Amino acid sequence: MDPDLIAEKLESLRRCVQRVQKKCPPTSEELMEDPDLQDIISLNLTRAVQLCVDIAVHLLTDLEVKPPDTMGGAFDALMSAQIISADLAGRLKKAVGFRNIAIHNYEAIDWAIVHSIAATRRADFSEFARIIALRLKPE
């Protein structure tokens, strides 16, 4: 495991979460009416998800676990390795679902859902970062 690489990714994750927090409007209606805020929030949420996946996969390379077949599987593997809780793994897997919609535009984005994620689920990324940062500390 390269602790410097993970530390860089954690810092990028922190900046994404901070940007979402700073730019998230008070209501979903305001988000629906502002394409610039939509871009800032959706981009930073998708980056946050991708950074979490990248960190997870990097950590898994040091563990003797089967590599995940999917992005969400990376969180299941971290849960199996007792690095994150089942609850956090489930929430991060849902975030991967959002990321897939936002990136691939499988269906029209529901900005009310995006607002809800930005307003209430960004703590999931911070919790993940806190857990990983603790693993980086020398014992």
N, C-alpha and C. Protein backbone atom coordinates (compact mmCIF):
# COMPACT_ATOMS: atom_id res chain seq x y z
N MET A 1 0.85 -1.17 0.00
CA MET A 1 0.00 0.00 0.00
C MET A 1 0.90 1.24 0.00
N ASP A 2 0.54 2.21 -0.79
CA ASP A 2 1.28 3.47 -0.85
C ASP A 2 0.54 4.51 -0.01
N PRO A 3 1.00 4.76 1.21
CA PRO A 3 0.28 5.68 2.09
C PRO A 3 0.23 7.11 1.54
N ASP A 4 1.25 7.52 0.80
CA ASP A 4 1.25 8.87 0.23
C ASP A 4 0.16 9.01 -0.82
N LEU A 5 0.00 8.00 -1.64
CA LEU A 5 -1.05 8.02 -2.67
C LEU A 5 -2.43 8.07 -2.02
N ILE A 6 -2.63 7.26 -1.00
CA ILE A 6 -3.92 7.26 -0.31
C ILE A 6 -4.16 8.61 0.37
N ALA A 7 -3.13 9.17 0.96
CA ALA A 7 -3.27 10.48 1.61
C ALA A 7 -3.66 11.55 0.58
N GLU A 8 -3.08 11.49 -0.62
CA GLU A 8 -3.45 12.43 -1.69
C GLU A 8 -4.92 12.26 -2.06
N LYS A 9 -5.35 11.02 -2.20
CA LYS A 9 -6.74 10.76 -2.56
C LYS A 9 -7.69 11.19 -1.45
N LEU A 10 -7.28 11.00 -0.21
CA LEU A 10 -8.11 11.46 0.91
C LEU A 10 -8.24 12.98 0.91
N GLU A 11 -7.17 13.67 0.57
CA GLU A 11 -7.24 15.12 0.50
C GLU A 11 -8.16 15.56 -0.64
N SER A 12 -8.09 14.90 -1.77
CA SER A 12 -8.99 15.20 -2.88
C SER A 12 -10.44 14.94 -2.48
N LEU A 13 -10.66 13.85 -1.75
CA LEU A 13 -12.00 13.52 -1.26
C LEU A 13 -12.50 14.62 -0.32
N ARG A 14 -11.64 15.06 0.57
CA ARG A 14 -12.02 16.14 1.50
C ARG A 14 -12.44 17.39 0.73
N ARG A 15 -11.68 17.74 -0.30
CA ARG A 15 -12.02 18.93 -1.09
C ARG A 15 -13.35 18.75 -1.82
N CYS A 16 -13.62 17.58 -2.34
CA CYS A 16 -14.90 17.33 -3.02
C CYS A 16 -16.07 17.49 -2.05
N VAL A 17 -15.94 16.89 -0.88
CA VAL A 17 -17.01 16.97 0.12
C VAL A 17 -17.20 18.42 0.56
N GLN A 18 -16.10 19.12 0.76
CA GLN A 18 -16.18 20.53 1.16
C GLN A 18 -16.86 21.36 0.07
N ARG A 19 -16.56 21.09 -1.18
CA ARG A 19 -17.17 21.84 -2.29
C ARG A 19 -18.68 21.58 -2.34
N VAL A 20 -19.07 20.34 -2.17
CA VAL A 20 -20.50 20.01 -2.15
C VAL A 20 -21.19 20.73 -1.00
N GLN A 21 -20.57 20.69 0.16
CA GLN A 21 -21.16 21.34 1.33
C GLN A 21 -21.30 22.84 1.09
N LYS A 22 -20.29 23.45 0.53
CA LYS A 22 -20.29 24.90 0.31
C LYS A 22 -21.33 25.32 -0.74
N LYS A 23 -21.52 24.50 -1.77
CA LYS A 23 -22.36 24.90 -2.89
C LYS A 23 -23.79 24.36 -2.85
N CYS A 24 -24.07 23.45 -1.93
CA CYS A 24 -25.41 22.87 -1.87
C CYS A 24 -26.42 23.93 -1.41
N PRO A 25 -27.41 24.22 -2.25
CA PRO A 25 -28.41 25.22 -1.85
C PRO A 25 -29.34 24.64 -0.78
N PRO A 26 -30.07 25.53 -0.10
CA PRO A 26 -30.97 25.07 0.96
C PRO A 26 -32.10 24.15 0.48
N THR A 27 -32.53 24.30 -0.77
CA THR A 27 -33.67 23.50 -1.24
C THR A 27 -33.34 22.83 -2.57
N SER A 28 -34.04 21.74 -2.82
CA SER A 28 -33.86 21.03 -4.10
C SER A 28 -34.39 21.87 -5.26
N GLU A 29 -35.38 22.71 -4.99
CA GLU A 29 -35.92 23.57 -6.04
C GLU A 29 -34.85 24.53 -6.56
N GLU A 30 -34.06 25.08 -5.64
CA GLU A 30 -32.97 25.97 -6.06
C GLU A 30 -31.95 25.23 -6.91
N LEU A 31 -31.67 23.99 -6.55
CA LEU A 31 -30.74 23.18 -7.33
C LEU A 31 -31.31 22.91 -8.72
N MET A 32 -32.60 22.61 -8.79
CA MET A 32 -33.24 22.32 -10.07
C MET A 32 -33.17 23.50 -11.03
N GLU A 33 -33.12 24.70 -10.48
CA GLU A 33 -33.14 25.91 -11.30
C GLU A 33 -31.75 26.45 -11.64
N ASP A 34 -30.69 25.84 -11.12
CA ASP A 34 -29.36 26.40 -11.32
C ASP A 34 -28.42 25.36 -11.94
N PRO A 35 -28.25 25.40 -13.27
CA PRO A 35 -27.39 24.43 -13.94
C PRO A 35 -25.93 24.48 -13.48
N ASP A 36 -25.44 25.64 -13.07
CA ASP A 36 -24.06 25.73 -12.59
C ASP A 36 -23.90 24.95 -11.28
N LEU A 37 -24.85 25.12 -10.36
CA LEU A 37 -24.80 24.35 -9.11
C LEU A 37 -24.96 22.86 -9.39
N GLN A 38 -25.82 22.51 -10.33
CA GLN A 38 -25.98 21.11 -10.71
C GLN A 38 -24.64 20.51 -11.13
N ASP A 39 -23.93 21.24 -11.99
CA ASP A 39 -22.64 20.76 -12.47
C ASP A 39 -21.64 20.61 -11.32
N ILE A 40 -21.54 21.62 -10.49
CA ILE A 40 -20.57 21.59 -9.39
C ILE A 40 -20.87 20.45 -8.44
N ILE A 41 -22.13 20.31 -8.07
CA ILE A 41 -22.49 19.29 -7.09
C ILE A 41 -22.38 17.88 -7.67
N SER A 42 -22.92 17.67 -8.87
CA SER A 42 -22.86 16.32 -9.43
C SER A 42 -21.43 15.91 -9.73
N LEU A 43 -20.61 16.83 -10.23
CA LEU A 43 -19.21 16.51 -10.52
C LEU A 43 -18.47 16.14 -9.24
N ASN A 44 -18.64 16.92 -8.19
CA ASN A 44 -17.92 16.64 -6.96
C ASN A 44 -18.44 15.39 -6.25
N LEU A 45 -19.73 15.11 -6.35
CA LEU A 45 -20.24 13.86 -5.78
C LEU A 45 -19.70 12.65 -6.55
N THR A 46 -19.68 12.73 -7.87
CA THR A 46 -19.16 11.60 -8.65
C THR A 46 -17.67 11.42 -8.40
N ARG A 47 -16.94 12.51 -8.27
CA ARG A 47 -15.51 12.41 -7.94
C ARG A 47 -15.33 11.77 -6.57
N ALA A 48 -16.15 12.16 -5.61
CA ALA A 48 -16.04 11.60 -4.26
C ALA A 48 -16.26 10.09 -4.29
N VAL A 49 -17.25 9.66 -5.02
CA VAL A 49 -17.51 8.22 -5.14
C VAL A 49 -16.30 7.52 -5.77
N GLN A 50 -15.81 8.08 -6.86
CA GLN A 50 -14.68 7.47 -7.56
C GLN A 50 -13.45 7.41 -6.67
N LEU A 51 -13.20 8.46 -5.92
CA LEU A 51 -12.06 8.46 -5.01
C LEU A 51 -12.20 7.38 -3.94
N CYS A 52 -13.39 7.22 -3.40
CA CYS A 52 -13.61 6.15 -2.42
C CYS A 52 -13.34 4.78 -3.02
N VAL A 53 -13.82 4.57 -4.22
CA VAL A 53 -13.58 3.29 -4.90
C VAL A 53 -12.09 3.09 -5.13
N ASP A 54 -11.41 4.12 -5.62
CA ASP A 54 -9.97 4.01 -5.87
C ASP A 54 -9.21 3.68 -4.60
N ILE A 55 -9.55 4.34 -3.51
CA ILE A 55 -8.90 4.07 -2.22
C ILE A 55 -9.18 2.65 -1.78
N ALA A 56 -10.43 2.23 -1.91
CA ALA A 56 -10.80 0.86 -1.50
C ALA A 56 -10.01 -0.17 -2.29
N VAL A 57 -9.96 -0.01 -3.59
CA VAL A 57 -9.23 -0.98 -4.43
C VAL A 57 -7.75 -0.98 -4.09
N HIS A 58 -7.20 0.19 -3.83
CA HIS A 58 -5.79 0.26 -3.46
C HIS A 58 -5.54 -0.49 -2.15
N LEU A 59 -6.41 -0.30 -1.17
CA LEU A 59 -6.26 -1.02 0.09
C LEU A 59 -6.39 -2.53 -0.10
N LEU A 60 -7.30 -2.92 -0.97
CA LEU A 60 -7.56 -4.35 -1.17
C LEU A 60 -6.37 -5.07 -1.80
N THR A 61 -5.51 -4.33 -2.51
CA THR A 61 -4.35 -4.98 -3.12
C THR A 61 -3.42 -5.56 -2.07
N ASP A 62 -3.43 -5.00 -0.86
CA ASP A 62 -2.59 -5.50 0.23
C ASP A 62 -3.24 -6.62 1.03
N LEU A 63 -4.51 -6.82 0.83
CA LEU A 63 -5.22 -7.84 1.61
C LEU A 63 -5.36 -9.11 0.77
N GLU A 64 -5.47 -10.19 1.43
CA GLU A 64 -5.64 -11.46 0.72
C GLU A 64 -7.12 -11.74 0.52
N VAL A 65 -7.73 -10.91 -0.31
CA VAL A 65 -9.14 -11.08 -0.65
C VAL A 65 -9.27 -11.08 -2.17
N LYS A 66 -10.32 -11.72 -2.62
CA LYS A 66 -10.58 -11.76 -4.05
C LYS A 66 -10.88 -10.34 -4.54
N PRO A 67 -10.24 -9.93 -5.64
CA PRO A 67 -10.53 -8.59 -6.16
C PRO A 67 -12.00 -8.46 -6.54
N PRO A 68 -12.58 -7.28 -6.31
CA PRO A 68 -14.00 -7.10 -6.61
C PRO A 68 -14.26 -7.08 -8.11
N ASP A 69 -15.45 -7.55 -8.49
CA ASP A 69 -15.86 -7.53 -9.89
C ASP A 69 -16.52 -6.21 -10.26
N THR A 70 -16.99 -5.49 -9.26
CA THR A 70 -17.70 -4.24 -9.50
C THR A 70 -17.16 -3.16 -8.57
N MET A 71 -17.52 -1.93 -8.87
CA MET A 71 -17.12 -0.83 -8.00
C MET A 71 -17.72 -1.01 -6.61
N GLY A 72 -18.99 -1.34 -6.55
CA GLY A 72 -19.65 -1.56 -5.27
C GLY A 72 -19.05 -2.73 -4.51
N GLY A 73 -18.57 -3.70 -5.26
CA GLY A 73 -17.94 -4.86 -4.64
C GLY A 73 -16.70 -4.52 -3.83
N ALA A 74 -16.07 -3.40 -4.17
CA ALA A 74 -14.90 -2.97 -3.39
C ALA A 74 -15.30 -2.68 -1.94
N PHE A 75 -16.48 -2.14 -1.77
CA PHE A 75 -16.95 -1.83 -0.41
C PHE A 75 -17.38 -3.09 0.33
N ASP A 76 -17.95 -4.05 -0.41
CA ASP A 76 -18.27 -5.34 0.20
C ASP A 76 -16.99 -6.03 0.68
N ALA A 77 -15.94 -5.93 -0.13
CA ALA A 77 -14.66 -6.55 0.23
C ALA A 77 -14.06 -5.87 1.47
N LEU A 78 -14.16 -4.56 1.54
CA LEU A 78 -13.66 -3.87 2.74
C LEU A 78 -14.48 -4.25 3.97
N MET A 79 -15.78 -4.47 3.77
CA MET A 79 -16.62 -4.91 4.87
C MET A 79 -16.20 -6.32 5.30
N SER A 80 -15.99 -7.20 4.35
CA SER A 80 -15.58 -8.57 4.67
C SER A 80 -14.24 -8.58 5.40
N ALA A 81 -13.38 -7.62 5.08
CA ALA A 81 -12.08 -7.52 5.74
C ALA A 81 -12.18 -6.76 7.06
N GLN A 82 -13.39 -6.42 7.45
CA GLN A 82 -13.69 -5.72 8.71
C GLN A 82 -13.00 -4.35 8.80
N ILE A 83 -12.93 -3.69 7.64
CA ILE A 83 -12.37 -2.33 7.61
C ILE A 83 -13.48 -1.30 7.73
N ILE A 84 -14.61 -1.57 7.07
CA ILE A 84 -15.77 -0.68 7.20
C ILE A 84 -16.98 -1.53 7.61
N SER A 85 -17.98 -0.86 8.15
CA SER A 85 -19.19 -1.56 8.59
C SER A 85 -20.07 -1.93 7.40
N ALA A 86 -20.96 -2.87 7.64
CA ALA A 86 -21.92 -3.26 6.60
C ALA A 86 -22.81 -2.08 6.23
N ASP A 87 -23.17 -1.28 7.20
CA ASP A 87 -24.01 -0.12 6.95
C ASP A 87 -23.31 0.88 6.02
N LEU A 88 -22.05 1.20 6.32
CA LEU A 88 -21.31 2.13 5.47
C LEU A 88 -21.09 1.53 4.09
N ALA A 89 -20.78 0.26 4.02
CA ALA A 89 -20.61 -0.40 2.71
C ALA A 89 -21.88 -0.26 1.88
N GLY A 90 -23.02 -0.48 2.50
CA GLY A 90 -24.29 -0.36 1.79
C GLY A 90 -24.55 1.05 1.28
N ARG A 91 -24.25 2.03 2.11
CA ARG A 91 -24.46 3.43 1.70
C ARG A 91 -23.51 3.81 0.56
N LEU A 92 -22.27 3.35 0.63
CA LEU A 92 -21.31 3.67 -0.43
C LEU A 92 -21.66 2.94 -1.73
N LYS A 93 -22.22 1.76 -1.62
CA LYS A 93 -22.68 1.06 -2.83
C LYS A 93 -23.82 1.82 -3.50
N LYS A 94 -24.70 2.39 -2.70
CA LYS A 94 -25.76 3.23 -3.26
C LYS A 94 -25.17 4.45 -3.95
N ALA A 95 -24.11 5.00 -3.38
CA ALA A 95 -23.45 6.14 -3.99
C ALA A 95 -22.86 5.76 -5.35
N VAL A 96 -22.38 4.54 -5.48
CA VAL A 96 -21.89 4.06 -6.78
C VAL A 96 -23.03 4.06 -7.79
N GLY A 97 -24.22 3.66 -7.36
CA GLY A 97 -25.38 3.70 -8.25
C GLY A 97 -25.67 5.10 -8.74
N PHE A 98 -25.58 6.08 -7.82
CA PHE A 98 -25.75 7.47 -8.24
C PHE A 98 -24.68 7.86 -9.24
N ARG A 99 -23.45 7.51 -8.95
CA ARG A 99 -22.33 7.85 -9.84
C ARG A 99 -22.57 7.31 -11.24
N ASN A 100 -23.04 6.08 -11.32
CA ASN A 100 -23.28 5.47 -12.63
C ASN A 100 -24.34 6.23 -13.41
N ILE A 101 -25.37 6.65 -12.75
CA ILE A 101 -26.42 7.44 -13.42
C ILE A 101 -25.85 8.78 -13.87
N ALA A 102 -25.13 9.44 -12.97
CA ALA A 102 -24.60 10.77 -13.29
C ALA A 102 -23.58 10.71 -14.43
N ILE A 103 -22.74 9.70 -14.43
CA ILE A 103 -21.69 9.59 -15.44
C ILE A 103 -22.25 9.12 -16.78
N HIS A 104 -23.07 8.10 -16.73
CA HIS A 104 -23.53 7.47 -17.97
C HIS A 104 -24.90 7.97 -18.42
N ASN A 105 -25.54 8.78 -17.58
CA ASN A 105 -26.84 9.35 -17.91
C ASN A 105 -27.84 8.28 -18.35
N TYR A 106 -27.89 7.20 -17.58
CA TYR A 106 -28.81 6.11 -17.90
C TYR A 106 -30.26 6.58 -17.89
N GLU A 107 -30.54 7.53 -17.09
CA GLU A 107 -31.88 8.10 -17.01
C GLU A 107 -31.74 9.55 -16.60
N ALA A 108 -32.76 10.29 -16.74
CA ALA A 108 -32.69 11.71 -16.34
C ALA A 108 -32.38 11.79 -14.85
N ILE A 109 -31.47 12.67 -14.52
CA ILE A 109 -31.10 12.84 -13.11
C ILE A 109 -32.23 13.53 -12.37
N ASP A 110 -32.57 13.00 -11.23
CA ASP A 110 -33.58 13.59 -10.36
C ASP A 110 -32.84 14.51 -9.39
N TRP A 111 -32.96 15.82 -9.60
CA TRP A 111 -32.19 16.77 -8.81
C TRP A 111 -32.63 16.82 -7.36
N ALA A 112 -33.84 16.39 -7.08
CA ALA A 112 -34.28 16.29 -5.68
C ALA A 112 -33.47 15.21 -4.96
N ILE A 113 -33.20 14.11 -5.66
CA ILE A 113 -32.38 13.04 -5.07
C ILE A 113 -30.94 13.52 -4.91
N VAL A 114 -30.43 14.20 -5.92
CA VAL A 114 -29.06 14.73 -5.83
C VAL A 114 -28.95 15.69 -4.65
N HIS A 115 -29.95 16.54 -4.49
CA HIS A 115 -29.94 17.48 -3.36
C HIS A 115 -29.94 16.71 -2.04
N SER A 116 -30.75 15.68 -1.96
CA SER A 116 -30.80 14.89 -0.74
C SER A 116 -29.45 14.24 -0.44
N ILE A 117 -28.81 13.70 -1.47
CA ILE A 117 -27.48 13.10 -1.30
C ILE A 117 -26.50 14.16 -0.82
N ALA A 118 -26.51 15.31 -1.50
CA ALA A 118 -25.57 16.39 -1.16
C ALA A 118 -25.80 16.91 0.25
N ALA A 119 -27.04 16.98 0.65
CA ALA A 119 -27.37 17.56 1.95
C ALA A 119 -27.22 16.56 3.10
N THR A 120 -27.48 15.28 2.84
CA THR A 120 -27.54 14.34 3.96
C THR A 120 -26.56 13.18 3.90
N ARG A 121 -25.98 12.88 2.74
CA ARG A 121 -25.14 11.69 2.63
C ARG A 121 -23.66 12.00 2.49
N ARG A 122 -23.29 13.27 2.43
CA ARG A 122 -21.87 13.58 2.27
C ARG A 122 -21.07 13.12 3.49
N ALA A 123 -21.72 12.97 4.62
CA ALA A 123 -21.04 12.47 5.82
C ALA A 123 -20.53 11.04 5.61
N ASP A 124 -21.15 10.29 4.70
CA ASP A 124 -20.68 8.93 4.41
C ASP A 124 -19.24 8.97 3.88
N PHE A 125 -18.96 9.95 3.03
CA PHE A 125 -17.61 10.09 2.48
C PHE A 125 -16.62 10.48 3.58
N SER A 126 -17.06 11.36 4.45
CA SER A 126 -16.20 11.79 5.56
C SER A 126 -15.93 10.63 6.52
N GLU A 127 -16.95 9.82 6.78
CA GLU A 127 -16.77 8.65 7.65
C GLU A 127 -15.77 7.68 7.03
N PHE A 128 -15.93 7.42 5.75
CA PHE A 128 -15.00 6.54 5.04
C PHE A 128 -13.58 7.09 5.14
N ALA A 129 -13.41 8.38 4.88
CA ALA A 129 -12.09 9.00 4.94
C ALA A 129 -11.48 8.89 6.33
N ARG A 130 -12.30 9.09 7.36
CA ARG A 130 -11.80 9.00 8.74
C ARG A 130 -11.29 7.59 9.04
N ILE A 131 -12.04 6.58 8.62
CA ILE A 131 -11.65 5.19 8.85
C ILE A 131 -10.34 4.88 8.13
N ILE A 132 -10.24 5.32 6.90
CA ILE A 132 -9.03 5.03 6.12
C ILE A 132 -7.84 5.79 6.69
N ALA A 133 -8.04 7.04 7.08
CA ALA A 133 -6.94 7.83 7.65
C ALA A 133 -6.39 7.17 8.91
N LEU A 134 -7.26 6.57 9.70
CA LEU A 134 -6.80 5.87 10.90
C LEU A 134 -5.90 4.70 10.54
N ARG A 135 -6.17 4.06 9.42
CA ARG A 135 -5.35 2.93 8.98
C ARG A 135 -3.96 3.40 8.53
N LEU A 136 -3.85 4.65 8.13
CA LEU A 136 -2.57 5.17 7.64
C LEU A 136 -1.63 5.54 8.78
N LYS A 137 -2.18 5.76 9.96
CA LYS A 137 -1.35 6.15 11.09
C LYS A 137 -0.44 5.00 11.48
N PRO A 138 0.83 5.31 11.74
CA PRO A 138 1.74 4.25 12.19
C PRO A 138 1.31 3.71 13.55
N GLU A 139 1.49 2.43 13.71
CA GLU A 139 1.08 1.80 14.97
C GLU A 139 2.12 1.94 16.03
